[in-house]
Protein backbone atom coordinates (compact mmCIF):
# COMPACT_ATOMS: atom_id res chain seq x y z
CA MET A 1 132.05 115.51 91.62
CA ALA A 2 128.64 116.37 93.07
CA ASN A 3 125.85 117.62 90.80
CA PRO A 4 126.73 121.17 89.63
CA LEU A 5 123.08 122.20 90.11
CA PHE A 6 123.75 122.19 93.83
CA ARG A 7 127.23 123.69 93.88
CA ARG A 8 126.23 126.51 96.24
CA LEU A 9 125.12 124.02 98.91
CA THR A 10 128.13 121.81 98.26
CA LEU A 11 130.36 124.77 99.15
CA ILE A 12 128.87 124.45 102.66
CA THR A 13 128.47 120.69 103.06
CA GLY A 14 131.49 119.42 101.14
CA GLU A 15 131.58 116.88 98.32
CA GLY A 16 131.07 113.82 100.54
CA ALA A 17 127.83 115.06 102.06
CA ALA A 18 126.60 116.29 98.67
CA ARG A 19 127.13 112.84 97.16
CA ALA A 20 125.41 111.24 100.15
CA LEU A 21 122.38 113.49 99.66
CA GLU A 22 122.29 112.50 96.01
CA GLU A 23 122.27 108.84 97.06
CA SER A 24 119.59 109.32 99.73
CA ARG A 25 115.95 108.34 99.48
CA VAL A 26 113.42 110.33 101.50
CA ILE A 27 109.75 109.44 101.88
CA VAL A 28 107.47 112.39 102.63
CA VAL A 29 104.05 111.38 103.88
CA GLY A 30 101.55 114.20 103.54
CA ILE A 31 102.40 116.82 100.91
CA GLY A 32 100.19 119.67 102.03
CA GLY A 33 101.10 122.96 103.65
CA VAL A 34 104.14 121.51 105.42
CA GLY A 35 105.15 118.47 103.38
CA SER A 36 105.08 120.13 99.94
CA TRP A 37 107.65 122.72 101.05
CA ALA A 38 109.81 120.06 102.68
CA VAL A 39 109.95 118.12 99.41
CA GLU A 40 110.75 121.26 97.41
CA ALA A 41 113.66 122.04 99.73
CA LEU A 42 114.97 118.48 99.59
CA VAL A 43 114.99 118.38 95.80
CA ARG A 44 116.59 121.84 95.60
CA SER A 45 119.27 120.50 97.97
CA GLY A 46 120.25 117.58 95.77
CA VAL A 47 118.40 114.67 97.38
CA GLY A 48 118.41 112.07 94.64
CA SER A 49 115.24 110.13 95.38
CA VAL A 50 111.95 111.26 96.93
CA SER A 51 108.67 109.44 97.41
CA LEU A 52 105.44 111.41 97.74
CA VAL A 53 102.57 109.90 99.73
CA ASP A 54 99.18 111.64 99.72
CA SER A 55 95.74 110.60 98.51
CA ASP A 56 94.25 114.10 98.18
CA ARG A 57 93.58 116.31 95.19
CA VAL A 58 94.39 120.00 94.92
CA CYS A 59 91.46 122.21 95.92
CA VAL A 60 90.93 125.97 96.02
CA SER A 61 91.43 126.19 99.78
CA ASN A 62 94.96 124.75 99.41
CA THR A 63 96.12 127.85 97.52
CA ASN A 64 97.17 129.83 100.58
CA ARG A 65 99.82 127.34 101.74
CA GLN A 66 100.65 124.44 99.38
CA ILE A 67 103.37 124.86 96.80
CA GLN A 68 101.70 122.79 94.05
CA ALA A 69 98.31 124.50 94.55
CA THR A 70 97.78 126.81 91.59
CA SER A 71 94.65 127.61 89.61
CA ALA A 72 95.91 125.32 86.84
CA HIS A 73 96.17 122.35 89.20
CA ILE A 74 92.76 122.45 90.90
CA GLY A 75 91.32 118.92 90.89
CA ARG A 76 94.59 117.17 90.11
CA LEU A 77 96.23 114.69 92.44
CA LYS A 78 98.62 116.52 94.74
CA THR A 79 101.32 113.92 94.13
CA GLU A 80 100.98 114.25 90.37
CA ALA A 81 101.12 118.06 90.36
CA LEU A 82 104.11 118.17 92.71
CA GLU A 83 105.97 115.44 90.83
CA GLU A 84 105.89 117.55 87.66
CA ARG A 85 107.32 120.54 89.51
CA LEU A 86 110.10 118.51 91.10
CA ARG A 87 111.15 117.01 87.77
CA ASP A 88 111.39 120.54 86.35
CA ILE A 89 113.71 121.51 89.20
CA ASN A 90 115.98 118.49 88.88
CA PRO A 91 115.25 116.11 86.00
CA GLY A 92 117.74 113.66 87.50
CA CYS A 93 115.82 113.26 90.74
CA ARG A 94 113.94 109.96 91.08
CA VAL A 95 110.41 110.91 92.07
CA THR A 96 107.88 108.24 93.00
CA SER A 97 104.25 109.11 93.65
CA PHE A 98 101.93 107.14 95.90
CA PRO A 99 98.45 108.71 95.62
CA ARG A 100 97.05 106.78 98.55
CA PHE A 101 96.43 107.15 102.27
CA PHE A 102 98.98 105.83 104.75
CA THR A 103 97.72 103.26 107.26
CA LYS A 104 99.18 100.17 108.87
CA GLU A 105 97.35 98.18 106.22
CA THR A 106 98.95 100.08 103.32
CA ALA A 107 102.39 100.53 104.93
CA ASP A 108 104.01 97.73 102.94
CA SER A 109 103.27 99.63 99.71
CA PHE A 110 105.81 102.36 100.40
CA ASP A 111 109.07 100.44 101.02
CA ILE A 112 109.91 102.23 104.25
CA GLN A 113 112.72 99.74 104.81
CA GLY A 114 114.40 101.00 101.65
CA ALA A 115 114.36 104.67 102.72
CA ASP A 116 117.05 106.65 104.51
CA PHE A 117 114.67 109.20 106.04
CA ILE A 118 110.95 109.47 106.64
CA ILE A 119 109.26 112.86 106.95
CA ASP A 120 105.85 112.83 108.61
CA ALA A 121 103.65 115.75 107.58
CA ILE A 122 100.32 114.01 108.20
CA ASP A 123 97.46 115.92 109.80
CA THR A 124 95.30 112.90 110.70
CA LEU A 125 96.16 111.53 114.15
CA GLN A 126 95.49 107.82 113.54
CA SER A 127 97.51 107.76 110.33
CA LYS A 128 100.27 109.80 111.97
CA LEU A 129 100.54 107.30 114.83
CA ASP A 130 100.58 104.43 112.33
CA LEU A 131 103.47 106.00 110.41
CA ILE A 132 105.45 106.73 113.56
CA GLU A 133 104.99 103.20 114.88
CA VAL A 134 105.90 101.54 111.58
CA THR A 135 108.93 103.78 111.01
CA LEU A 136 110.34 103.29 114.50
CA ALA A 137 109.83 99.53 114.22
CA ALA A 138 111.82 99.62 110.96
CA GLY A 139 114.65 101.50 112.69
CA LYS A 140 114.50 104.41 110.25
CA LYS A 141 115.27 108.06 110.94
CA LEU A 142 112.00 109.96 111.38
CA PHE A 143 111.32 113.70 111.45
CA SER A 144 107.73 114.58 112.31
CA SER A 145 105.71 117.79 112.06
CA MET A 146 103.25 118.58 114.81
CA GLY A 147 100.38 121.08 114.61
CA MET A 148 101.05 124.15 112.44
CA GLY A 149 97.47 125.40 112.23
CA LYS A 150 96.39 128.46 114.25
CA LYS A 151 99.93 129.88 114.13
CA LEU A 152 101.26 133.16 112.75
CA ASP A 153 104.86 133.43 113.96
CA PRO A 154 107.34 131.09 112.24
CA THR A 155 110.13 132.21 114.57
CA LEU A 156 108.44 130.24 117.36
CA ILE A 157 108.97 126.89 115.61
CA ARG A 158 111.19 124.55 117.61
CA THR A 159 112.61 121.03 117.38
CA ALA A 160 112.85 118.48 120.19
CA ASP A 161 112.52 114.80 120.93
CA ILE A 162 108.81 114.03 120.92
CA TRP A 163 108.91 113.20 124.63
CA LYS A 164 110.38 116.61 125.43
CA THR A 165 107.92 118.76 123.46
CA ASP A 166 105.59 121.03 125.36
CA GLY A 167 102.85 123.51 124.61
CA CYS A 168 101.68 121.78 121.40
CA PRO A 169 98.24 120.11 121.61
CA LEU A 170 98.95 117.72 118.72
CA ALA A 171 102.27 116.64 120.23
CA ARG A 172 100.43 115.84 123.45
CA LEU A 173 97.93 113.69 121.55
CA VAL A 174 100.78 111.94 119.75
CA ARG A 175 102.57 111.16 123.01
CA ASN A 176 99.37 109.83 124.57
CA GLY A 177 98.62 107.75 121.49
CA LEU A 178 102.10 106.26 121.45
CA ARG A 179 101.87 105.34 125.13
CA LYS A 180 98.59 103.52 124.47
CA ARG A 181 100.34 101.56 121.73
CA ASN A 182 103.27 100.81 124.06
CA CYS A 183 105.52 102.62 121.58
CA HIS A 184 108.26 104.51 123.40
CA GLY A 185 110.82 105.16 120.66
CA HIS A 186 112.49 108.48 120.00
CA PHE A 187 112.30 110.85 117.04
CA THR A 188 112.61 114.56 116.38
CA ALA A 189 109.42 116.60 116.32
CA VAL A 190 108.99 120.02 114.74
CA TYR A 191 106.47 122.01 116.77
CA SER A 192 105.35 125.42 117.96
CA LYS A 193 104.10 126.57 121.36
CA GLU A 194 102.42 129.66 119.90
CA ARG A 195 98.96 130.31 121.32
CA LEU A 196 97.03 133.08 119.60
CA PRO A 197 94.67 135.26 121.67
CA MET A 198 90.96 135.45 120.97
CA MET A 199 90.09 137.11 117.67
CA GLU A 200 87.99 140.25 117.26
CA ALA A 201 84.47 140.16 118.69
CA GLY A 202 82.07 138.39 116.37
CA GLU A 203 84.72 136.15 114.82
CA ALA A 204 85.56 132.55 115.63
CA PRO A 205 88.14 132.25 118.42
CA ALA A 206 91.60 131.18 117.33
CA GLU A 207 91.34 128.05 119.47
CA GLU A 208 88.29 126.76 117.60
CA GLY A 209 87.89 125.21 114.21
CA VAL A 210 85.13 126.13 111.77
CA ALA A 211 82.96 124.03 109.49
CA PHE A 212 84.52 124.39 106.06
CA GLY A 213 82.84 124.35 102.69
CA GLY A 214 79.75 122.56 103.93
CA MET A 215 81.68 119.29 104.04
CA GLY A 216 81.23 118.73 107.75
CA LYS A 217 84.98 118.78 108.21
CA THR A 218 86.48 120.87 110.99
CA VAL A 219 89.58 122.75 109.90
CA PHE A 220 91.79 125.42 111.41
CA GLY A 221 93.23 128.59 110.00
CA SER A 222 96.73 128.36 108.60
CA ALA A 223 99.45 130.67 107.30
CA VAL A 224 101.97 129.75 104.63
CA THR A 225 104.67 131.63 106.51
CA VAL A 226 104.37 129.05 109.28
CA THR A 227 103.64 125.88 107.34
CA ALA A 228 106.40 126.55 104.81
CA ALA A 229 108.86 127.35 107.59
CA ALA A 230 108.04 124.04 109.27
CA GLY A 231 108.62 122.25 105.97
CA MET A 232 111.99 123.95 105.61
CA VAL A 233 112.95 122.89 109.12
CA LEU A 234 112.07 119.27 108.31
CA ALA A 235 114.20 119.37 105.17
CA SER A 236 117.01 121.01 107.12
CA LEU A 237 116.99 118.15 109.62
CA VAL A 238 117.67 115.71 106.78
CA ILE A 239 120.42 117.87 105.29
CA ARG A 240 122.11 118.47 108.64
CA ASP A 241 121.94 114.78 109.54
CA VAL A 242 123.84 113.93 106.36
CA TYR A 243 126.23 116.87 106.85
CA ALA A 244 127.07 115.70 110.38
CA ARG A 245 128.33 112.34 109.11
CA PHE A 246 131.03 114.06 107.07
CA ASN A 247 131.72 117.01 109.36
CA PRO A 248 131.83 115.64 112.93
């Protein structure tokens, strides 16, 4: 019998899919505003093994959108803080933390070949392209989040094959980057075509980033209602993929 913690979901998926979720391993790369919510949903849905990949530490500016970002966790590794939360939710879940940055050079550290699903929630283009290329070469199922900054309406989030996305600047950059690498594989992208109008006079336009915290890093505004929704969609893609095997 499937884990009784997840009985309510099992009533929808059936025992076979519930057991398959419990036997699945998902790697989530990037556990920020999108990835942290995806992991939370996966663990609350009975996924038995998750790997968390992120080199960052929790900072004050993460509080508006990242599930592990609380005042008590400022300065801690994001992977460490989230791992504790996930173990509280389901002590039986196998959680592995990788507090490092994903690149082609570090790819062998994460055992992508041993995973059932890869979730890409990276916000750095080069690293994102590296993960996509490595995952497709390994023949693994990939679900990838595109740009969720500068968005306010979660109902505009869509899914499509990366080559069929439109209206998302990051998706366009990803497609161009993959073409340059002669990488033409297929995977599902989670994206939004929302384009906010100019803000009130005297404020930065919604299409522009702002220098943040004096660090010389350009960042964009973000809303938890959008980033969390994107994370939930990513987790749903995993759950529905497993469900479809048992409910054709």
